[in-house]
Amino acid sequence: MKAAEEAKKKKEQPSFELSGKLAAETNRVKGVTVIYSEPIEARIPNLKWRLYVFKDGEMTRAKTNLPFDAMVSAWMGLASL
């Protein structure tokens, strides 16, 4: 009898503290953890612009016709170039 009463007293109460599991799941895309988050103010510039590529201090090429996927996000789209 005493054991049943002690078990009721020692029963673990649910914890409603933040665990971070929801935030960790929102940082996943197709099972891969994303290590960046795009800022809210990231947007495509309204002016025409050009990308200059430098290697060892010399310009190797200038890109004016950027691919469509580079224009999707002004924040991380240029990483694929």
PDB file of N, CA and C in Angstrom:
ATOM      1  N   MET A   1       0.813  -1.183   0.000  1.00  0.00           N
ATOM      2  CA  MET A   1       0.000   0.000   0.000  1.00  0.00           C
ATOM      3  C   MET A   1       0.867   1.260   0.000  1.00  0.00           C
ATOM      4  N   LYS A   2       1.903   1.235   0.835  1.00  0.00           N
ATOM      5  CA  LYS A   2       2.773   2.398   0.918  1.00  0.00           C
ATOM      6  C   LYS A   2       3.523   2.615  -0.398  1.00  0.00           C
ATOM      7  N   ALA A   3       3.879   1.543  -1.049  1.00  0.00           N
ATOM      8  CA  ALA A   3       4.616   1.659  -2.308  1.00  0.00           C
ATOM      9  C   ALA A   3       3.763   2.333  -3.379  1.00  0.00           C
ATOM     10  N   ALA A   4       2.485   2.028  -3.417  1.00  0.00           N
ATOM     11  CA  ALA A   4       1.582   2.640  -4.398  1.00  0.00           C
ATOM     12  C   ALA A   4       1.401   4.124  -4.115  1.00  0.00           C
ATOM     13  N   GLU A   5       1.330   4.482  -2.842  1.00  0.00           N
ATOM     14  CA  GLU A   5       1.189   5.892  -2.474  1.00  0.00           C
ATOM     15  C   GLU A   5       2.460   6.675  -2.807  1.00  0.00           C
ATOM     16  N   GLU A   6       3.612   6.064  -2.575  1.00  0.00           N
ATOM     17  CA  GLU A   6       4.886   6.723  -2.884  1.00  0.00           C
ATOM     18  C   GLU A   6       5.055   6.885  -4.396  1.00  0.00           C
ATOM     19  N   ALA A   7       4.576   5.917  -5.151  1.00  0.00           N
ATOM     20  CA  ALA A   7       4.672   6.001  -6.609  1.00  0.00           C
ATOM     21  C   ALA A   7       3.826   7.151  -7.136  1.00  0.00           C
ATOM     22  N   LYS A   8       2.669   7.363  -6.531  1.00  0.00           N
ATOM     23  CA  LYS A   8       1.818   8.477  -6.943  1.00  0.00           C
ATOM     24  C   LYS A   8       2.477   9.814  -6.626  1.00  0.00           C
ATOM     25  N   LYS A   9       3.135   9.897  -5.478  1.00  0.00           N
ATOM     26  CA  LYS A   9       3.795  11.129  -5.069  1.00  0.00           C
ATOM     27  C   LYS A   9       5.007  11.431  -5.956  1.00  0.00           C
ATOM     28  N   LYS A  10       5.730  10.395  -6.360  1.00  0.00           N
ATOM     29  CA  LYS A  10       6.954  10.567  -7.140  1.00  0.00           C
ATOM     30  C   LYS A  10       6.705  10.646  -8.643  1.00  0.00           C
ATOM     31  N   LYS A  11       5.451  10.584  -9.044  1.00  0.00           N
ATOM     32  CA  LYS A  11       5.134  10.623 -10.471  1.00  0.00           C
ATOM     33  C   LYS A  11       5.650  11.931 -11.077  1.00  0.00           C
ATOM     34  N   GLU A  12       6.360  11.804 -12.162  1.00  0.00           N
ATOM     35  CA  GLU A  12       6.969  12.975 -12.805  1.00  0.00           C
ATOM     36  C   GLU A  12       5.897  13.829 -13.474  1.00  0.00           C
ATOM     37  N   GLN A  13       5.956  15.100 -13.207  1.00  0.00           N
ATOM     38  CA  GLN A  13       5.015  16.046 -13.791  1.00  0.00           C
ATOM     39  C   GLN A  13       5.492  16.452 -15.185  1.00  0.00           C
ATOM     40  N   PRO A  14       4.570  16.762 -16.100  1.00  0.00           N
ATOM     41  CA  PRO A  14       4.989  17.183 -17.441  1.00  0.00           C
ATOM     42  C   PRO A  14       5.717  18.523 -17.392  1.00  0.00           C
ATOM     43  N   SER A  15       6.738  18.642 -18.219  1.00  0.00           N
ATOM     44  CA  SER A  15       7.521  19.876 -18.296  1.00  0.00           C
ATOM     45  C   SER A  15       7.138  20.605 -19.577  1.00  0.00           C
ATOM     46  N   PHE A  16       6.697  21.835 -19.446  1.00  0.00           N
ATOM     47  CA  PHE A  16       6.287  22.626 -20.598  1.00  0.00           C
ATOM     48  C   PHE A  16       7.324  23.684 -20.949  1.00  0.00           C
ATOM     49  N   GLU A  17       8.573  23.466 -20.560  1.00  0.00           N
ATOM     50  CA  GLU A  17       9.648  24.400 -20.877  1.00  0.00           C
ATOM     51  C   GLU A  17      10.032  24.254 -22.348  1.00  0.00           C
ATOM     52  N   LEU A  18      10.660  25.289 -22.884  1.00  0.00           N
ATOM     53  CA  LEU A  18      11.107  25.251 -24.272  1.00  0.00           C
ATOM     54  C   LEU A  18      12.273  24.285 -24.414  1.00  0.00           C
ATOM     55  N   SER A  19      12.183  23.389 -25.381  1.00  0.00           N
ATOM     56  CA  SER A  19      13.245  22.403 -25.572  1.00  0.00           C
ATOM     57  C   SER A  19      14.118  22.716 -26.777  1.00  0.00           C
ATOM     58  N   GLY A  20      13.629  23.522 -27.698  1.00  0.00           N
ATOM     59  CA  GLY A  20      14.398  23.831 -28.895  1.00  0.00           C
ATOM     60  C   GLY A  20      14.176  22.840 -30.026  1.00  0.00           C
ATOM     61  N   LYS A  21      13.374  21.822 -29.817  1.00  0.00           N
ATOM     62  CA  LYS A  21      13.122  20.814 -30.856  1.00  0.00           C
ATOM     63  C   LYS A  21      12.384  21.409 -32.050  1.00  0.00           C
ATOM     64  N   LEU A  22      11.431  22.299 -31.803  1.00  0.00           N
ATOM     65  CA  LEU A  22      10.680  22.912 -32.894  1.00  0.00           C
ATOM     66  C   LEU A  22      11.592  23.805 -33.732  1.00  0.00           C
ATOM     67  N   ALA A  23      12.451  24.572 -33.088  1.00  0.00           N
ATOM     68  CA  ALA A  23      13.386  25.433 -33.813  1.00  0.00           C
ATOM     69  C   ALA A  23      14.377  24.602 -34.613  1.00  0.00           C
ATOM     70  N   ALA A  24      14.818  23.491 -34.058  1.00  0.00           N
ATOM     71  CA  ALA A  24      15.756  22.627 -34.779  1.00  0.00           C
ATOM     72  C   ALA A  24      15.096  22.027 -36.012  1.00  0.00           C
ATOM     73  N   GLU A  25      13.826  21.700 -35.918  1.00  0.00           N
ATOM     74  CA  GLU A  25      13.119  21.106 -37.055  1.00  0.00           C
ATOM     75  C   GLU A  25      12.847  22.136 -38.146  1.00  0.00           C
ATOM     76  N   THR A  26      12.646  23.396 -37.785  1.00  0.00           N
ATOM     77  CA  THR A  26      12.408  24.418 -38.802  1.00  0.00           C
ATOM     78  C   THR A  26      13.680  24.771 -39.547  1.00  0.00           C
ATOM     79  N   ASN A  27      14.846  24.392 -39.023  1.00  0.00           N
ATOM     80  CA  ASN A  27      16.117  24.644 -39.694  1.00  0.00           C
ATOM     81  C   ASN A  27      16.524  23.471 -40.576  1.00  0.00           C
ATOM     82  N   ARG A  28      15.590  22.599 -40.925  1.00  0.00           N
ATOM     83  CA  ARG A  28      15.882  21.450 -41.782  1.00  0.00           C
ATOM     84  C   ARG A  28      15.123  21.586 -43.094  1.00  0.00           C
ATOM     85  N   VAL A  29      15.821  21.304 -44.180  1.00  0.00           N
ATOM     86  CA  VAL A  29      15.213  21.291 -45.505  1.00  0.00           C
ATOM     87  C   VAL A  29      15.569  19.956 -46.136  1.00  0.00           C
ATOM     88  N   LYS A  30      14.578  19.142 -46.415  1.00  0.00           N
ATOM     89  CA  LYS A  30      14.753  17.810 -46.998  1.00  0.00           C
ATOM     90  C   LYS A  30      15.731  16.964 -46.181  1.00  0.00           C
ATOM     91  N   GLY A  31      15.656  17.076 -44.862  1.00  0.00           N
ATOM     92  CA  GLY A  31      16.490  16.272 -43.979  1.00  0.00           C
ATOM     93  C   GLY A  31      17.880  16.811 -43.739  1.00  0.00           C
ATOM     94  N   VAL A  32      18.229  17.939 -44.338  1.00  0.00           N
ATOM     95  CA  VAL A  32      19.556  18.529 -44.171  1.00  0.00           C
ATOM     96  C   VAL A  32      19.424  19.768 -43.298  1.00  0.00           C
ATOM     97  N   THR A  33      20.286  19.880 -42.296  1.00  0.00           N
ATOM     98  CA  THR A  33      20.244  21.031 -41.404  1.00  0.00           C
ATOM     99  C   THR A  33      20.795  22.254 -42.117  1.00  0.00           C
ATOM    100  N   VAL A  34      20.025  23.325 -42.123  1.00  0.00           N
ATOM    101  CA  VAL A  34      20.421  24.578 -42.760  1.00  0.00           C
ATOM    102  C   VAL A  34      21.189  25.391 -41.726  1.00  0.00           C
ATOM    103  N   ILE A  35      22.385  25.870 -42.092  1.00  0.00           N
ATOM    104  CA  ILE A  35      23.219  26.586 -41.137  1.00  0.00           C
ATOM    105  C   ILE A  35      23.125  28.094 -41.308  1.00  0.00           C
ATOM    106  N   TYR A  36      22.173  28.562 -42.069  1.00  0.00           N
ATOM    107  CA  TYR A  36      21.964  30.004 -42.214  1.00  0.00           C
ATOM    108  C   TYR A  36      20.469  30.267 -42.137  1.00  0.00           C
ATOM    109  N   SER A  37      20.152  31.478 -41.879  1.00  0.00           N
ATOM    110  CA  SER A  37      18.755  31.892 -41.959  1.00  0.00           C
ATOM    111  C   SER A  37      18.712  33.211 -42.715  1.00  0.00           C
ATOM    112  N   GLU A  38      17.848  33.275 -43.685  1.00  0.00           N
ATOM    113  CA  GLU A  38      17.754  34.458 -44.526  1.00  0.00           C
ATOM    114  C   GLU A  38      17.089  35.592 -43.757  1.00  0.00           C
ATOM    115  N   PRO A  39      17.726  36.761 -43.712  1.00  0.00           N
ATOM    116  CA  PRO A  39      17.116  37.873 -42.983  1.00  0.00           C
ATOM    117  C   PRO A  39      15.839  38.354 -43.657  1.00  0.00           C
ATOM    118  N   ILE A  40      14.990  38.984 -42.880  1.00  0.00           N
ATOM    119  CA  ILE A  40      13.702  39.458 -43.382  1.00  0.00           C
ATOM    120  C   ILE A  40      13.893  40.523 -44.451  1.00  0.00           C
ATOM    121  N   GLU A  41      14.913  41.364 -44.306  1.00  0.00           N
ATOM    122  CA  GLU A  41      15.104  42.469 -45.242  1.00  0.00           C
ATOM    123  C   GLU A  41      15.804  42.048 -46.545  1.00  0.00           C
ATOM    124  N   ALA A  42      16.115  40.768 -46.734  1.00  0.00           N
ATOM    125  CA  ALA A  42      16.747  40.303 -47.967  1.00  0.00           C
ATOM    126  C   ALA A  42      15.747  40.392 -49.115  1.00  0.00           C
ATOM    127  N   ARG A  43      16.136  41.038 -50.185  1.00  0.00           N
ATOM    128  CA  ARG A  43      15.251  41.171 -51.345  1.00  0.00           C
ATOM    129  C   ARG A  43      16.097  41.422 -52.589  1.00  0.00           C
ATOM    130  N   ILE A  44      15.497  41.247 -53.733  1.00  0.00           N
ATOM    131  CA  ILE A  44      16.172  41.496 -55.002  1.00  0.00           C
ATOM    132  C   ILE A  44      16.317  43.002 -55.181  1.00  0.00           C
ATOM    133  N   PRO A  45      17.505  43.473 -55.533  1.00  0.00           N
ATOM    134  CA  PRO A  45      17.667  44.916 -55.723  1.00  0.00           C
ATOM    135  C   PRO A  45      16.860  45.406 -56.913  1.00  0.00           C
ATOM    136  N   ASN A  46      16.386  46.651 -56.831  1.00  0.00           N
ATOM    137  CA  ASN A  46      15.574  47.183 -57.919  1.00  0.00           C
ATOM    138  C   ASN A  46      16.433  47.817 -59.019  1.00  0.00           C
ATOM    139  N   LEU A  47      17.732  47.933 -58.816  1.00  0.00           N
ATOM    140  CA  LEU A  47      18.633  48.460 -59.839  1.00  0.00           C
ATOM    141  C   LEU A  47      19.355  47.311 -60.533  1.00  0.00           C
ATOM    142  N   LYS A  48      19.766  47.525 -61.785  1.00  0.00           N
ATOM    143  CA  LYS A  48      20.566  46.508 -62.468  1.00  0.00           C
ATOM    144  C   LYS A  48      21.962  46.521 -61.852  1.00  0.00           C
ATOM    145  N   TRP A  49      22.525  45.357 -61.696  1.00  0.00           N
ATOM    146  CA  TRP A  49      23.833  45.280 -61.085  1.00  0.00           C
ATOM    147  C   TRP A  49      24.673  44.227 -61.775  1.00  0.00           C
ATOM    148  N   ARG A  50      25.962  44.264 -61.517  1.00  0.00           N
ATOM    149  CA  ARG A  50      26.918  43.387 -62.178  1.00  0.00           C
ATOM    150  C   ARG A  50      27.807  42.754 -61.116  1.00  0.00           C
ATOM    151  N   LEU A  51      28.176  41.509 -61.332  1.00  0.00           N
ATOM    152  CA  LEU A  51      29.022  40.792 -60.394  1.00  0.00           C
ATOM    153  C   LEU A  51      30.413  40.649 -60.997  1.00  0.00           C
ATOM    154  N   TYR A  52      31.411  41.130 -60.279  1.00  0.00           N
ATOM    155  CA  TYR A  52      32.798  41.015 -60.713  1.00  0.00           C
ATOM    156  C   TYR A  52      33.468  39.914 -59.907  1.00  0.00           C
ATOM    157  N   VAL A  53      34.175  39.011 -60.603  1.00  0.00           N
ATOM    158  CA  VAL A  53      34.856  37.900 -59.946  1.00  0.00           C
ATOM    159  C   VAL A  53      36.350  38.175 -59.974  1.00  0.00           C
ATOM    160  N   PHE A  54      36.966  38.198 -58.789  1.00  0.00           N
ATOM    161  CA  PHE A  54      38.398  38.445 -58.665  1.00  0.00           C
ATOM    162  C   PHE A  54      39.084  37.199 -58.142  1.00  0.00           C
ATOM    163  N   LYS A  55      40.280  36.928 -58.682  1.00  0.00           N
ATOM    164  CA  LYS A  55      41.094  35.827 -58.194  1.00  0.00           C
ATOM    165  C   LYS A  55      42.535  36.302 -58.164  1.00  0.00           C
ATOM    166  N   ASP A  56      43.167  36.196 -57.026  1.00  0.00           N
ATOM    167  CA  ASP A  56      44.544  36.661 -56.824  1.00  0.00           C
ATOM    168  C   ASP A  56      44.699  38.131 -57.178  1.00  0.00           C
ATOM    169  N   GLY A  57      43.710  38.931 -56.865  1.00  0.00           N
ATOM    170  CA  GLY A  57      43.780  40.368 -57.090  1.00  0.00           C
ATOM    171  C   GLY A  57      43.498  40.805 -58.512  1.00  0.00           C
ATOM    172  N   GLU A  58      43.221  39.886 -59.431  1.00  0.00           N
ATOM    173  CA  GLU A  58      42.923  40.234 -60.820  1.00  0.00           C
ATOM    174  C   GLU A  58      41.487  39.835 -61.149  1.00  0.00           C
ATOM    175  N   MET A  59      40.844  40.656 -61.957  1.00  0.00           N
ATOM    176  CA  MET A  59      39.477  40.353 -62.352  1.00  0.00           C
ATOM    177  C   MET A  59      39.493  39.236 -63.392  1.00  0.00           C
ATOM    178  N   THR A  60      38.759  38.162 -63.126  1.00  0.00           N
ATOM    179  CA  THR A  60      38.721  37.044 -64.062  1.00  0.00           C
ATOM    180  C   THR A  60      37.546  37.151 -65.023  1.00  0.00           C
ATOM    181  N   ARG A  61      36.422  37.656 -64.550  1.00  0.00           N
ATOM    182  CA  ARG A  61      35.255  37.798 -65.424  1.00  0.00           C
ATOM    183  C   ARG A  61      34.238  38.727 -64.778  1.00  0.00           C
ATOM    184  N   ALA A  62      33.348  39.218 -65.588  1.00  0.00           N
ATOM    185  CA  ALA A  62      32.239  40.041 -65.105  1.00  0.00           C
ATOM    186  C   ALA A  62      30.953  39.387 -65.581  1.00  0.00           C
ATOM    187  N   LYS A  63      30.033  39.151 -64.669  1.00  0.00           N
ATOM    188  CA  LYS A  63      28.760  38.517 -65.024  1.00  0.00           C
ATOM    189  C   LYS A  63      27.670  39.566 -65.020  1.00  0.00           C
ATOM    190  N   THR A  64      27.004  39.695 -66.137  1.00  0.00           N
ATOM    191  CA  THR A  64      25.866  40.608 -66.195  1.00  0.00           C
ATOM    192  C   THR A  64      24.562  39.844 -66.293  1.00  0.00           C
ATOM    193  N   ASN A  65      24.564  38.704 -66.951  1.00  0.00           N
ATOM    194  CA  ASN A  65      23.361  37.883 -67.072  1.00  0.00           C
ATOM    195  C   ASN A  65      23.425  36.786 -66.016  1.00  0.00           C
ATOM    196  N   LEU A  66      22.928  37.080 -64.843  1.00  0.00           N
ATOM    197  CA  LEU A  66      22.952  36.104 -63.768  1.00  0.00           C
ATOM    198  C   LEU A  66      21.843  35.085 -63.976  1.00  0.00           C
ATOM    199  N   PRO A  67      22.071  33.832 -63.598  1.00  0.00           N
ATOM    200  CA  PRO A  67      21.026  32.817 -63.751  1.00  0.00           C
ATOM    201  C   PRO A  67      19.838  33.130 -62.859  1.00  0.00           C
ATOM    202  N   PHE A  68      18.697  32.550 -63.206  1.00  0.00           N
ATOM    203  CA  PHE A  68      17.461  32.847 -62.481  1.00  0.00           C
ATOM    204  C   PHE A  68      17.554  32.477 -61.010  1.00  0.00           C
ATOM    205  N   ASP A  69      18.181  31.341 -60.695  1.00  0.00           N
ATOM    206  CA  ASP A  69      18.240  30.929 -59.294  1.00  0.00           C
ATOM    207  C   ASP A  69      19.080  31.876 -58.453  1.00  0.00           C
ATOM    208  N   ALA A  70      19.984  32.624 -59.081  1.00  0.00           N
ATOM    209  CA  ALA A  70      20.749  33.619 -58.335  1.00  0.00           C
ATOM    210  C   ALA A  70      19.885  34.823 -58.008  1.00  0.00           C
ATOM    211  N   MET A  71      18.832  35.051 -58.772  1.00  0.00           N
ATOM    212  CA  MET A  71      17.975  36.203 -58.537  1.00  0.00           C
ATOM    213  C   MET A  71      16.842  35.886 -57.557  1.00  0.00           C
ATOM    214  N   VAL A  72      16.679  34.619 -57.209  1.00  0.00           N
ATOM    215  CA  VAL A  72      15.596  34.252 -56.307  1.00  0.00           C
ATOM    216  C   VAL A  72      15.812  34.868 -54.936  1.00  0.00           C
ATOM    217  N   SER A  73      17.016  34.788 -54.430  1.00  0.00           N
ATOM    218  CA  SER A  73      17.308  35.349 -53.124  1.00  0.00           C
ATOM    219  C   SER A  73      18.534  36.233 -53.237  1.00  0.00           C
ATOM    220  N   ALA A  74      18.423  37.448 -52.774  1.00  0.00           N
ATOM    221  CA  ALA A  74      19.564  38.350 -52.812  1.00  0.00           C
ATOM    222  C   ALA A  74      20.551  38.014 -51.710  1.00  0.00           C
ATOM    223  N   TRP A  75      20.166  37.155 -50.790  1.00  0.00           N
ATOM    224  CA  TRP A  75      21.039  36.854 -49.657  1.00  0.00           C
ATOM    225  C   TRP A  75      21.962  35.680 -49.951  1.00  0.00           C
ATOM    226  N   MET A  76      21.441  34.515 -50.329  1.00  0.00           N
ATOM    227  CA  MET A  76      22.270  33.331 -50.520  1.00  0.00           C
ATOM    228  C   MET A  76      22.315  32.854 -51.968  1.00  0.00           C
ATOM    229  N   GLY A  77      21.627  33.495 -52.870  1.00  0.00           N
ATOM    230  CA  GLY A  77      21.582  33.027 -54.247  1.00  0.00           C
ATOM    231  C   GLY A  77      22.911  33.110 -54.954  1.00  0.00           C
ATOM    232  N   LEU A  78      23.747  34.054 -54.583  1.00  0.00           N
ATOM    233  CA  LEU A  78      25.024  34.223 -55.263  1.00  0.00           C
ATOM    234  C   LEU A  78      26.050  33.192 -54.835  1.00  0.00           C
ATOM    235  N   ALA A  79      25.767  32.416 -53.809  1.00  0.00           N
ATOM    236  CA  ALA A  79      26.705  31.398 -53.356  1.00  0.00           C
ATOM    237  C   ALA A  79      26.859  30.292 -54.386  1.00  0.00           C
ATOM    238  N   SER A  80      25.893  30.133 -55.266  1.00  0.00           N
ATOM    239  CA  SER A  80      25.962  29.056 -56.254  1.00  0.00           C
ATOM    240  C   SER A  80      26.761  29.437 -57.490  1.00  0.00           C
ATOM    241  N   LEU A  81      27.175  30.684 -57.599  1.00  0.00           N
ATOM    242  CA  LEU A  81      27.908  31.110 -58.792  1.00  0.00           C
ATOM    243  C   LEU A  81      29.333  30.654 -58.790  1.00  0.00           C
TER     244      LEU A  81
END
